[in-house]
N, C-alpha and C. Protein backbone atom coordinates (compact mmCIF):
# COMPACT_ATOMS: atom_id res chain seq x y z
N MET A 1 14.32 1.13 -57.49
CA MET A 1 12.90 0.90 -57.39
C MET A 1 12.51 1.03 -55.92
N ALA A 2 11.45 1.81 -55.66
CA ALA A 2 11.00 2.04 -54.29
C ALA A 2 10.31 0.80 -53.76
N ARG A 3 10.58 0.54 -52.51
CA ARG A 3 10.01 -0.63 -51.87
C ARG A 3 8.63 -0.30 -51.32
N ARG A 4 7.63 -1.13 -51.62
CA ARG A 4 6.27 -0.91 -51.14
C ARG A 4 6.08 -1.65 -49.83
N PRO A 5 5.34 -1.03 -48.89
CA PRO A 5 5.11 -1.72 -47.62
C PRO A 5 4.26 -2.96 -47.83
N HIS A 6 4.47 -3.90 -46.95
CA HIS A 6 3.69 -5.13 -46.99
C HIS A 6 2.22 -4.78 -46.78
N PRO A 7 1.30 -5.41 -47.50
CA PRO A 7 -0.12 -5.06 -47.39
C PRO A 7 -0.68 -5.23 -45.98
N ARG A 8 -0.12 -6.10 -45.19
CA ARG A 8 -0.63 -6.33 -43.84
C ARG A 8 -0.06 -5.34 -42.83
N ALA A 9 0.96 -4.59 -43.17
CA ALA A 9 1.57 -3.63 -42.24
C ALA A 9 0.58 -2.55 -41.86
N GLY A 10 -0.18 -2.02 -42.79
CA GLY A 10 -1.19 -1.00 -42.50
C GLY A 10 -2.30 -1.55 -41.62
N LEU A 11 -2.70 -2.79 -41.88
CA LEU A 11 -3.74 -3.43 -41.09
C LEU A 11 -3.27 -3.63 -39.65
N PHE A 12 -2.02 -4.02 -39.47
CA PHE A 12 -1.47 -4.21 -38.13
C PHE A 12 -1.49 -2.90 -37.34
N GLY A 13 -1.11 -1.80 -37.97
CA GLY A 13 -1.12 -0.49 -37.32
C GLY A 13 -2.52 -0.07 -36.90
N VAL A 14 -3.49 -0.32 -37.77
CA VAL A 14 -4.89 0.01 -37.46
C VAL A 14 -5.37 -0.82 -36.27
N LEU A 15 -5.02 -2.10 -36.24
CA LEU A 15 -5.43 -2.97 -35.13
C LEU A 15 -4.81 -2.53 -33.81
N VAL A 16 -3.55 -2.15 -33.82
CA VAL A 16 -2.88 -1.67 -32.60
C VAL A 16 -3.55 -0.39 -32.11
N LEU A 17 -3.84 0.53 -33.02
CA LEU A 17 -4.51 1.78 -32.66
C LEU A 17 -5.90 1.51 -32.09
N ALA A 18 -6.66 0.62 -32.71
CA ALA A 18 -8.00 0.28 -32.23
C ALA A 18 -7.93 -0.34 -30.84
N ALA A 19 -6.96 -1.21 -30.62
CA ALA A 19 -6.82 -1.84 -29.30
C ALA A 19 -6.49 -0.79 -28.24
N ALA A 20 -5.63 0.16 -28.57
CA ALA A 20 -5.28 1.22 -27.61
C ALA A 20 -6.50 2.08 -27.28
N ILE A 21 -7.30 2.41 -28.27
CA ILE A 21 -8.51 3.21 -28.04
C ILE A 21 -9.49 2.44 -27.17
N LEU A 22 -9.70 1.17 -27.46
CA LEU A 22 -10.61 0.35 -26.65
C LEU A 22 -10.12 0.24 -25.21
N PHE A 23 -8.83 0.08 -25.02
CA PHE A 23 -8.27 -0.01 -23.67
C PHE A 23 -8.48 1.29 -22.91
N ALA A 24 -8.24 2.43 -23.56
CA ALA A 24 -8.44 3.73 -22.92
C ALA A 24 -9.91 3.94 -22.56
N ALA A 25 -10.81 3.54 -23.45
CA ALA A 25 -12.24 3.67 -23.17
C ALA A 25 -12.64 2.79 -21.99
N TRP A 26 -12.11 1.58 -21.94
CA TRP A 26 -12.41 0.67 -20.83
C TRP A 26 -11.94 1.26 -19.50
N ILE A 27 -10.74 1.83 -19.47
CA ILE A 27 -10.21 2.47 -18.25
C ILE A 27 -11.12 3.62 -17.83
N ALA A 28 -11.55 4.44 -18.78
CA ALA A 28 -12.43 5.58 -18.45
C ALA A 28 -13.74 5.11 -17.86
N VAL A 29 -14.33 4.05 -18.42
CA VAL A 29 -15.59 3.51 -17.90
C VAL A 29 -15.38 2.94 -16.51
N GLU A 30 -14.30 2.23 -16.29
CA GLU A 30 -14.02 1.66 -14.97
C GLU A 30 -13.89 2.74 -13.91
N ARG A 31 -13.27 3.86 -14.24
CA ARG A 31 -13.09 4.95 -13.28
C ARG A 31 -14.42 5.61 -12.94
N ARG A 32 -15.37 5.60 -13.85
CA ARG A 32 -16.63 6.30 -13.64
C ARG A 32 -17.76 5.38 -13.21
N SER A 33 -17.49 4.11 -13.04
CA SER A 33 -18.55 3.19 -12.63
C SER A 33 -18.15 2.52 -11.33
N GLY A 34 -19.07 1.76 -10.78
CA GLY A 34 -18.79 1.09 -9.52
C GLY A 34 -19.34 1.86 -8.35
N PRO A 35 -19.25 1.29 -7.14
CA PRO A 35 -19.88 1.88 -5.96
C PRO A 35 -19.29 3.21 -5.54
N ASP A 36 -18.05 3.51 -5.90
CA ASP A 36 -17.42 4.75 -5.46
C ASP A 36 -17.40 5.82 -6.54
N ALA A 37 -18.16 5.61 -7.60
CA ALA A 37 -18.14 6.56 -8.71
C ALA A 37 -18.77 7.89 -8.30
N ALA A 38 -18.23 8.96 -8.84
CA ALA A 38 -18.78 10.28 -8.58
C ALA A 38 -19.99 10.50 -9.49
N PRO A 39 -20.98 11.28 -9.04
CA PRO A 39 -22.09 11.62 -9.92
C PRO A 39 -21.56 12.36 -11.15
N PRO A 40 -22.30 12.34 -12.27
CA PRO A 40 -21.79 12.93 -13.50
C PRO A 40 -21.47 14.41 -13.41
N ASP A 41 -22.12 15.17 -12.53
CA ASP A 41 -21.87 16.61 -12.45
C ASP A 41 -20.73 16.96 -11.51
N VAL A 42 -20.12 15.96 -10.91
CA VAL A 42 -19.00 16.20 -9.99
C VAL A 42 -17.73 15.69 -10.66
N PRO A 43 -16.66 16.47 -10.63
CA PRO A 43 -15.42 16.02 -11.26
C PRO A 43 -14.95 14.70 -10.66
N VAL A 44 -14.38 13.85 -11.51
CA VAL A 44 -13.89 12.55 -11.04
C VAL A 44 -12.83 12.73 -9.97
N ALA A 45 -12.06 13.83 -10.01
CA ALA A 45 -10.95 14.04 -9.09
C ALA A 45 -11.40 14.21 -7.64
N ILE A 46 -12.67 14.58 -7.39
CA ILE A 46 -13.06 14.86 -6.01
C ILE A 46 -13.13 13.57 -5.20
N GLN A 47 -12.42 13.57 -4.13
CA GLN A 47 -12.43 12.46 -3.19
C GLN A 47 -12.73 13.09 -1.85
N THR A 48 -14.00 13.13 -1.50
CA THR A 48 -14.42 13.84 -0.30
C THR A 48 -13.79 13.23 0.94
N PRO A 49 -13.09 14.05 1.72
CA PRO A 49 -12.57 13.53 2.98
C PRO A 49 -13.75 13.24 3.90
N PRO A 50 -13.71 12.13 4.59
CA PRO A 50 -14.84 11.79 5.47
C PRO A 50 -14.94 12.75 6.64
N ARG A 51 -16.16 12.93 7.11
CA ARG A 51 -16.39 13.76 8.29
C ARG A 51 -15.71 13.08 9.48
N PRO A 52 -14.91 13.81 10.24
CA PRO A 52 -14.25 13.21 11.40
C PRO A 52 -15.26 12.76 12.46
N ALA A 53 -14.91 11.72 13.18
CA ALA A 53 -15.79 11.20 14.22
C ALA A 53 -16.06 12.23 15.31
N ASP A 54 -15.11 13.13 15.55
CA ASP A 54 -15.27 14.13 16.60
C ASP A 54 -15.78 15.47 16.06
N ALA A 55 -16.38 15.46 14.86
CA ALA A 55 -16.90 16.70 14.28
C ALA A 55 -17.99 17.29 15.18
N ILE A 56 -18.08 18.60 15.15
CA ILE A 56 -19.01 19.35 15.99
C ILE A 56 -20.29 19.61 15.21
N ALA A 57 -21.42 19.23 15.77
CA ALA A 57 -22.72 19.47 15.13
C ALA A 57 -23.10 20.93 15.31
N MET A 58 -23.53 21.55 14.21
CA MET A 58 -23.96 22.95 14.24
C MET A 58 -25.25 23.08 13.43
N THR A 59 -25.96 24.16 13.68
CA THR A 59 -27.16 24.48 12.90
C THR A 59 -26.85 25.69 12.04
N MET A 60 -27.05 25.54 10.74
CA MET A 60 -26.79 26.62 9.79
C MET A 60 -27.81 27.74 9.98
N GLU A 61 -27.30 28.98 10.03
CA GLU A 61 -28.20 30.12 10.16
C GLU A 61 -28.20 31.00 8.92
N TYR A 62 -27.01 31.32 8.37
CA TYR A 62 -26.97 32.31 7.31
C TYR A 62 -25.64 32.23 6.56
N ALA A 63 -25.69 32.43 5.24
CA ALA A 63 -24.46 32.54 4.44
C ALA A 63 -24.19 34.01 4.17
N TYR A 64 -23.10 34.52 4.75
CA TYR A 64 -22.71 35.92 4.51
C TYR A 64 -22.21 36.10 3.08
N ASP A 65 -21.38 35.16 2.65
CA ASP A 65 -20.84 35.16 1.30
C ASP A 65 -20.47 33.72 0.96
N GLY A 66 -19.65 33.52 -0.05
CA GLY A 66 -19.34 32.17 -0.49
C GLY A 66 -18.37 31.39 0.37
N ASP A 67 -17.78 32.01 1.39
CA ASP A 67 -16.84 31.28 2.26
C ASP A 67 -17.04 31.57 3.74
N THR A 68 -18.11 32.28 4.11
CA THR A 68 -18.35 32.62 5.51
C THR A 68 -19.83 32.43 5.84
N ILE A 69 -20.09 31.72 6.95
CA ILE A 69 -21.47 31.49 7.38
C ILE A 69 -21.63 31.89 8.84
N ARG A 70 -22.87 31.93 9.27
CA ARG A 70 -23.20 32.06 10.68
C ARG A 70 -23.88 30.75 11.05
N ALA A 71 -23.39 30.11 12.11
CA ALA A 71 -23.95 28.83 12.55
C ALA A 71 -23.94 28.78 14.07
N ARG A 72 -24.83 27.96 14.61
CA ARG A 72 -24.98 27.83 16.05
C ARG A 72 -24.58 26.40 16.46
N PRO A 73 -23.61 26.25 17.36
CA PRO A 73 -23.23 24.91 17.83
C PRO A 73 -24.41 24.25 18.54
N VAL A 74 -24.63 22.97 18.26
CA VAL A 74 -25.69 22.24 18.94
C VAL A 74 -25.30 22.05 20.40
N ASP A 75 -24.06 21.66 20.65
CA ASP A 75 -23.52 21.55 22.01
C ASP A 75 -22.53 22.70 22.16
N ARG A 76 -22.97 23.79 22.77
CA ARG A 76 -22.17 25.01 22.82
C ARG A 76 -20.80 24.82 23.45
N ALA A 77 -20.66 23.91 24.38
CA ALA A 77 -19.39 23.73 25.08
C ALA A 77 -18.31 23.11 24.19
N LYS A 78 -18.70 22.48 23.08
CA LYS A 78 -17.71 21.80 22.23
C LYS A 78 -16.95 22.73 21.31
N LEU A 79 -17.40 23.96 21.13
CA LEU A 79 -16.75 24.86 20.19
C LEU A 79 -16.04 25.98 20.93
N LEU A 80 -14.84 25.70 21.40
CA LEU A 80 -14.01 26.71 22.05
C LEU A 80 -14.73 27.41 23.19
N GLY A 81 -15.42 26.64 24.00
CA GLY A 81 -16.11 27.23 25.16
C GLY A 81 -17.54 27.62 24.83
N PRO A 82 -18.29 27.97 25.86
CA PRO A 82 -19.70 28.31 25.66
C PRO A 82 -19.84 29.53 24.74
N THR A 83 -20.70 29.41 23.78
CA THR A 83 -20.92 30.50 22.84
C THR A 83 -22.26 30.32 22.15
N ASP A 84 -22.80 31.41 21.67
CA ASP A 84 -24.00 31.34 20.85
C ASP A 84 -23.56 31.19 19.41
N ALA A 85 -24.34 31.68 18.49
CA ALA A 85 -23.99 31.58 17.07
C ALA A 85 -22.66 32.27 16.80
N VAL A 86 -21.90 31.71 15.87
CA VAL A 86 -20.58 32.24 15.54
C VAL A 86 -20.46 32.44 14.03
N ARG A 87 -19.56 33.35 13.65
CA ARG A 87 -19.19 33.49 12.24
C ARG A 87 -18.13 32.44 11.96
N VAL A 88 -18.33 31.68 10.91
CA VAL A 88 -17.42 30.61 10.52
C VAL A 88 -16.82 30.93 9.16
N ARG A 89 -15.51 30.94 9.10
CA ARG A 89 -14.77 31.10 7.83
C ARG A 89 -14.34 29.71 7.42
N ILE A 90 -14.79 29.26 6.25
CA ILE A 90 -14.48 27.92 5.78
C ILE A 90 -12.99 27.85 5.42
N ILE A 91 -12.30 26.88 6.01
CA ILE A 91 -10.86 26.71 5.79
C ILE A 91 -10.58 26.25 4.36
N GLY A 92 -9.54 26.83 3.76
CA GLY A 92 -9.01 26.33 2.50
C GLY A 92 -9.58 26.92 1.23
N ILE A 93 -10.52 27.87 1.35
CA ILE A 93 -11.11 28.45 0.15
C ILE A 93 -11.20 29.97 0.24
N ASP A 94 -11.35 30.58 -0.93
CA ASP A 94 -11.57 32.01 -1.02
C ASP A 94 -12.61 32.24 -2.10
N ALA A 95 -13.75 32.80 -1.71
CA ALA A 95 -14.83 33.08 -2.66
C ALA A 95 -14.86 34.57 -2.97
N PRO A 96 -15.42 34.95 -4.10
CA PRO A 96 -15.54 36.38 -4.42
C PRO A 96 -16.31 37.12 -3.32
N GLU A 97 -15.91 38.35 -3.05
CA GLU A 97 -16.51 39.14 -1.97
C GLU A 97 -17.71 39.94 -2.47
N GLY A 98 -18.67 40.12 -1.57
CA GLY A 98 -19.85 40.92 -1.88
C GLY A 98 -19.76 42.32 -1.33
N LYS A 99 -18.84 42.53 -0.38
CA LYS A 99 -18.67 43.85 0.25
C LYS A 99 -17.18 44.12 0.40
N PRO A 100 -16.72 45.31 0.33
CA PRO A 100 -17.45 46.56 0.16
C PRO A 100 -17.97 46.77 -1.26
N THR A 101 -17.36 46.11 -2.26
CA THR A 101 -17.89 46.16 -3.62
C THR A 101 -18.22 44.74 -4.04
N LEU A 102 -19.10 44.61 -5.00
CA LEU A 102 -19.53 43.30 -5.46
C LEU A 102 -18.56 42.77 -6.51
N ASP A 103 -17.80 41.72 -6.12
CA ASP A 103 -16.89 41.07 -7.07
C ASP A 103 -17.69 40.18 -8.00
N CYS A 104 -17.17 39.96 -9.20
CA CYS A 104 -17.81 39.05 -10.13
C CYS A 104 -17.90 37.66 -9.50
N GLY A 105 -19.07 37.08 -9.51
CA GLY A 105 -19.27 35.74 -8.96
C GLY A 105 -19.65 35.70 -7.50
N ALA A 106 -19.69 36.84 -6.82
CA ALA A 106 -19.99 36.85 -5.38
C ALA A 106 -21.39 36.34 -5.08
N ASP A 107 -22.38 36.81 -5.81
CA ASP A 107 -23.76 36.35 -5.57
C ASP A 107 -23.90 34.86 -5.86
N ALA A 108 -23.30 34.41 -6.96
CA ALA A 108 -23.39 32.99 -7.32
C ALA A 108 -22.73 32.12 -6.26
N ALA A 109 -21.59 32.54 -5.73
CA ALA A 109 -20.89 31.77 -4.69
C ALA A 109 -21.72 31.71 -3.41
N ARG A 110 -22.27 32.85 -2.99
CA ARG A 110 -23.10 32.87 -1.78
C ARG A 110 -24.35 32.01 -1.97
N ASP A 111 -24.99 32.12 -3.13
CA ASP A 111 -26.20 31.34 -3.39
C ASP A 111 -25.90 29.85 -3.43
N HIS A 112 -24.76 29.47 -4.01
CA HIS A 112 -24.37 28.06 -4.05
C HIS A 112 -24.17 27.52 -2.63
N LEU A 113 -23.48 28.30 -1.80
CA LEU A 113 -23.26 27.89 -0.41
C LEU A 113 -24.59 27.80 0.34
N ALA A 114 -25.48 28.77 0.12
CA ALA A 114 -26.78 28.77 0.80
C ALA A 114 -27.64 27.57 0.37
N ARG A 115 -27.50 27.11 -0.87
CA ARG A 115 -28.23 25.91 -1.32
C ARG A 115 -27.60 24.65 -0.74
N LEU A 116 -26.30 24.67 -0.59
CA LEU A 116 -25.58 23.51 -0.03
C LEU A 116 -25.89 23.36 1.46
N LEU A 117 -25.92 24.48 2.17
CA LEU A 117 -26.20 24.51 3.61
C LEU A 117 -27.45 25.35 3.83
N LEU A 118 -28.60 24.73 3.76
CA LEU A 118 -29.86 25.45 3.93
C LEU A 118 -30.00 25.96 5.35
N GLU A 119 -30.66 27.11 5.50
CA GLU A 119 -30.89 27.66 6.84
C GLU A 119 -31.66 26.64 7.67
N GLY A 120 -31.19 26.41 8.89
CA GLY A 120 -31.80 25.43 9.79
C GLY A 120 -31.24 24.03 9.64
N ALA A 121 -30.42 23.78 8.62
CA ALA A 121 -29.87 22.45 8.38
C ALA A 121 -28.72 22.16 9.34
N ARG A 122 -28.48 20.89 9.55
CA ARG A 122 -27.34 20.44 10.35
C ARG A 122 -26.09 20.52 9.50
N VAL A 123 -25.04 21.07 10.06
CA VAL A 123 -23.74 21.15 9.42
C VAL A 123 -22.72 20.63 10.43
N TRP A 124 -21.71 19.96 9.95
CA TRP A 124 -20.70 19.38 10.83
C TRP A 124 -19.39 20.12 10.63
N ALA A 125 -18.72 20.42 11.72
CA ALA A 125 -17.51 21.24 11.68
C ALA A 125 -16.34 20.54 12.37
N ALA A 126 -15.15 20.79 11.84
CA ALA A 126 -13.92 20.27 12.44
C ALA A 126 -12.90 21.40 12.51
N VAL A 127 -12.27 21.50 13.66
CA VAL A 127 -11.24 22.52 13.91
C VAL A 127 -9.92 21.98 13.40
N GLU A 128 -9.06 22.88 12.93
CA GLU A 128 -7.71 22.48 12.54
C GLU A 128 -6.73 23.16 13.49
N ALA A 129 -5.48 23.32 13.08
CA ALA A 129 -4.43 23.84 13.97
C ALA A 129 -4.72 25.25 14.48
N GLU A 130 -5.13 26.14 13.59
CA GLU A 130 -5.42 27.54 13.96
C GLU A 130 -6.94 27.69 14.01
N PRO A 131 -7.53 27.86 15.21
CA PRO A 131 -9.00 27.84 15.33
C PRO A 131 -9.71 29.16 15.01
N GLN A 132 -8.97 30.26 14.91
CA GLN A 132 -9.63 31.55 14.75
C GLN A 132 -8.75 32.48 13.92
N ASP A 133 -9.39 33.35 13.11
CA ASP A 133 -8.61 34.31 12.33
C ASP A 133 -8.55 35.67 13.03
N ARG A 134 -7.85 36.60 12.43
CA ARG A 134 -7.64 37.91 13.07
C ARG A 134 -8.92 38.73 13.17
N TYR A 135 -9.98 38.30 12.48
CA TYR A 135 -11.26 39.00 12.56
C TYR A 135 -12.20 38.37 13.58
N GLY A 136 -11.72 37.36 14.29
CA GLY A 136 -12.53 36.69 15.30
C GLY A 136 -13.44 35.61 14.77
N ARG A 137 -13.31 35.27 13.48
CA ARG A 137 -14.14 34.21 12.91
C ARG A 137 -13.54 32.85 13.26
N ARG A 138 -14.39 31.86 13.50
CA ARG A 138 -13.93 30.49 13.72
C ARG A 138 -13.48 29.93 12.38
N LEU A 139 -12.32 29.31 12.33
CA LEU A 139 -11.81 28.68 11.12
C LEU A 139 -12.14 27.20 11.21
N LEU A 140 -13.01 26.72 10.32
CA LEU A 140 -13.51 25.35 10.41
C LEU A 140 -13.62 24.70 9.04
N HIS A 141 -13.43 23.38 9.02
CA HIS A 141 -13.80 22.57 7.86
C HIS A 141 -15.26 22.21 8.08
N LEU A 142 -16.06 22.18 7.02
CA LEU A 142 -17.49 21.90 7.14
C LEU A 142 -17.90 20.73 6.25
N TRP A 143 -18.87 19.96 6.75
CA TRP A 143 -19.50 18.88 6.00
C TRP A 143 -21.01 19.04 6.10
N THR A 144 -21.71 18.70 5.03
CA THR A 144 -23.17 18.68 5.09
C THR A 144 -23.60 17.49 5.93
N ASP A 145 -24.87 17.45 6.28
CA ASP A 145 -25.36 16.33 7.09
C ASP A 145 -25.26 15.01 6.34
N ASP A 146 -25.30 15.06 4.99
CA ASP A 146 -25.17 13.83 4.21
C ASP A 146 -23.71 13.53 3.83
N GLY A 147 -22.75 14.24 4.44
CA GLY A 147 -21.34 13.89 4.31
C GLY A 147 -20.55 14.60 3.23
N ARG A 148 -21.13 15.59 2.54
CA ARG A 148 -20.37 16.29 1.50
C ARG A 148 -19.43 17.31 2.13
N PHE A 149 -18.20 17.35 1.63
CA PHE A 149 -17.17 18.27 2.09
C PHE A 149 -17.43 19.63 1.44
N VAL A 150 -17.84 20.61 2.22
CA VAL A 150 -18.34 21.88 1.70
C VAL A 150 -17.28 22.62 0.87
N ALA A 151 -16.07 22.74 1.37
CA ALA A 151 -15.02 23.44 0.61
C ALA A 151 -14.79 22.77 -0.74
N GLY A 152 -14.73 21.46 -0.76
CA GLY A 152 -14.53 20.72 -2.00
C GLY A 152 -15.66 20.94 -2.99
N GLU A 153 -16.89 20.95 -2.50
CA GLU A 153 -18.05 21.18 -3.37
C GLU A 153 -17.99 22.57 -4.01
N LEU A 154 -17.64 23.58 -3.21
CA LEU A 154 -17.59 24.94 -3.73
C LEU A 154 -16.47 25.12 -4.75
N VAL A 155 -15.30 24.58 -4.46
CA VAL A 155 -14.17 24.71 -5.38
C VAL A 155 -14.43 23.91 -6.66
N ALA A 156 -14.97 22.70 -6.54
CA ALA A 156 -15.25 21.87 -7.72
C ALA A 156 -16.28 22.53 -8.63
N ALA A 157 -17.20 23.30 -8.06
CA ALA A 157 -18.22 23.99 -8.85
C ALA A 157 -17.72 25.30 -9.43
N GLY A 158 -16.50 25.69 -9.09
CA GLY A 158 -15.95 26.94 -9.58
C GLY A 158 -16.48 28.16 -8.86
N GLN A 159 -17.05 27.97 -7.67
CA GLN A 159 -17.61 29.07 -6.90
C GLN A 159 -16.62 29.64 -5.89
N ALA A 160 -15.48 28.97 -5.71
CA ALA A 160 -14.43 29.44 -4.80
C ALA A 160 -13.10 28.93 -5.33
N ALA A 161 -12.04 29.59 -4.92
CA ALA A 161 -10.69 29.18 -5.28
C ALA A 161 -10.02 28.55 -4.05
N ALA A 162 -9.07 27.67 -4.29
CA ALA A 162 -8.30 27.10 -3.19
C ALA A 162 -7.45 28.19 -2.56
N LEU A 163 -7.33 28.16 -1.25
CA LEU A 163 -6.54 29.15 -0.52
C LEU A 163 -5.73 28.41 0.54
N ARG A 164 -4.42 28.42 0.40
CA ARG A 164 -3.54 27.70 1.33
C ARG A 164 -2.99 28.70 2.34
N VAL A 165 -3.44 28.55 3.61
CA VAL A 165 -2.98 29.43 4.68
C VAL A 165 -2.47 28.54 5.83
N PRO A 166 -1.14 28.36 5.92
CA PRO A 166 -0.60 27.57 7.02
C PRO A 166 -0.99 28.17 8.36
N PRO A 167 -1.20 27.38 9.38
CA PRO A 167 -0.96 25.95 9.44
C PRO A 167 -2.17 25.10 9.04
N ASN A 168 -3.28 25.70 8.60
CA ASN A 168 -4.50 24.96 8.27
C ASN A 168 -4.47 24.48 6.82
N VAL A 169 -3.70 23.43 6.55
CA VAL A 169 -3.49 22.99 5.17
C VAL A 169 -3.79 21.51 4.95
N THR A 170 -4.58 20.91 5.81
CA THR A 170 -4.86 19.47 5.70
C THR A 170 -5.39 19.08 4.32
N HIS A 171 -6.29 19.85 3.76
CA HIS A 171 -6.92 19.49 2.48
C HIS A 171 -6.47 20.39 1.32
N ALA A 172 -5.34 21.07 1.49
CA ALA A 172 -4.86 22.03 0.48
C ALA A 172 -4.59 21.36 -0.87
N ALA A 173 -3.98 20.20 -0.89
CA ALA A 173 -3.67 19.53 -2.16
C ALA A 173 -4.95 19.15 -2.90
N LEU A 174 -5.92 18.61 -2.19
CA LEU A 174 -7.20 18.25 -2.80
C LEU A 174 -7.88 19.49 -3.39
N LEU A 175 -7.94 20.56 -2.61
CA LEU A 175 -8.61 21.77 -3.07
C LEU A 175 -7.90 22.39 -4.27
N SER A 176 -6.58 22.35 -4.29
CA SER A 176 -5.83 22.86 -5.45
C SER A 176 -6.12 22.05 -6.70
N ALA A 177 -6.20 20.73 -6.56
CA ALA A 177 -6.53 19.87 -7.71
C ALA A 177 -7.94 20.14 -8.21
N LEU A 178 -8.87 20.34 -7.29
CA LEU A 178 -10.25 20.64 -7.69
C LEU A 178 -10.35 21.99 -8.39
N GLU A 179 -9.57 22.96 -7.91
CA GLU A 179 -9.56 24.27 -8.55
C GLU A 179 -9.04 24.17 -9.99
N ALA A 180 -7.95 23.44 -10.18
CA ALA A 180 -7.39 23.28 -11.53
C ALA A 180 -8.40 22.62 -12.45
N ASP A 181 -9.12 21.62 -11.95
CA ASP A 181 -10.13 20.93 -12.74
C ASP A 181 -11.28 21.87 -13.10
N ALA A 182 -11.75 22.66 -12.12
CA ALA A 182 -12.85 23.60 -12.37
C ALA A 182 -12.44 24.67 -13.37
N GLU A 183 -11.21 25.16 -13.26
CA GLU A 183 -10.73 26.19 -14.18
C GLU A 183 -10.62 25.64 -15.60
N THR A 184 -10.06 24.43 -15.72
CA THR A 184 -9.93 23.80 -17.03
C THR A 184 -11.30 23.58 -17.68
N ALA A 185 -12.27 23.16 -16.87
CA ALA A 185 -13.62 22.89 -17.38
C ALA A 185 -14.45 24.17 -17.55
N GLY A 186 -13.96 25.29 -17.02
CA GLY A 186 -14.69 26.55 -17.14
C GLY A 186 -15.96 26.60 -16.31
N ARG A 187 -15.93 26.00 -15.12
CA ARG A 187 -17.11 26.02 -14.25
C ARG A 187 -17.14 27.28 -13.39
N GLY A 188 -18.34 27.77 -13.10
CA GLY A 188 -18.54 28.88 -12.18
C GLY A 188 -17.79 30.13 -12.59
N GLN A 189 -17.05 30.69 -11.63
CA GLN A 189 -16.34 31.95 -11.88
C GLN A 189 -15.27 31.82 -12.96
N TRP A 190 -14.85 30.61 -13.27
CA TRP A 190 -13.79 30.42 -14.27
C TRP A 190 -14.30 30.68 -15.68
N SER A 191 -15.61 30.73 -15.88
CA SER A 191 -16.13 31.14 -17.19
C SER A 191 -16.89 32.46 -17.07
N ALA A 192 -17.63 32.64 -15.99
CA ALA A 192 -18.46 33.83 -15.82
C ALA A 192 -17.65 35.10 -15.60
N CYS A 193 -16.47 34.96 -15.03
CA CYS A 193 -15.69 36.14 -14.62
C CYS A 193 -14.43 36.33 -15.45
N ARG A 194 -14.36 35.77 -16.61
CA ARG A 194 -13.17 35.91 -17.46
C ARG A 194 -13.35 37.01 -18.45
């Protein structure tokens, strides 16, 4: 004769499952609430690195594409000697190119960067180990005047991919995590260019 399970055994399993679901929901709410919570349109994984105290103030002039801008140092002597406006290549990212041919997502990446850093706006820059690339562009980390990490914003939105180029790798792990999150969620080029 087959043995029947105790009538309370099924109830116990349901209660354990319900408790696990409630605990998981509570953890999810805790991560998304509180003073350090990310806005709903920003991935939870983004942890913006703070703008360094010695960051260089610049005035945004123009977005060439999704990872290169033209900006003018407010104090010209602070950016590798006296200079006027410079081409800045944002460290740690690679956006679709607009020239010589238009890559998928190039316009969207440039437009996103131009909205993030409006012409005439204050932008803050920090130099890393290698200050210039072979094309003469300044290699800089950028922050908006309200403290947003520009490379992180672009990668999280799917408008740029993480690009690890030693020795400038301070935020490489963060940018790689943001790229994986954007790709999984299908944001920006991860859905438009597939």
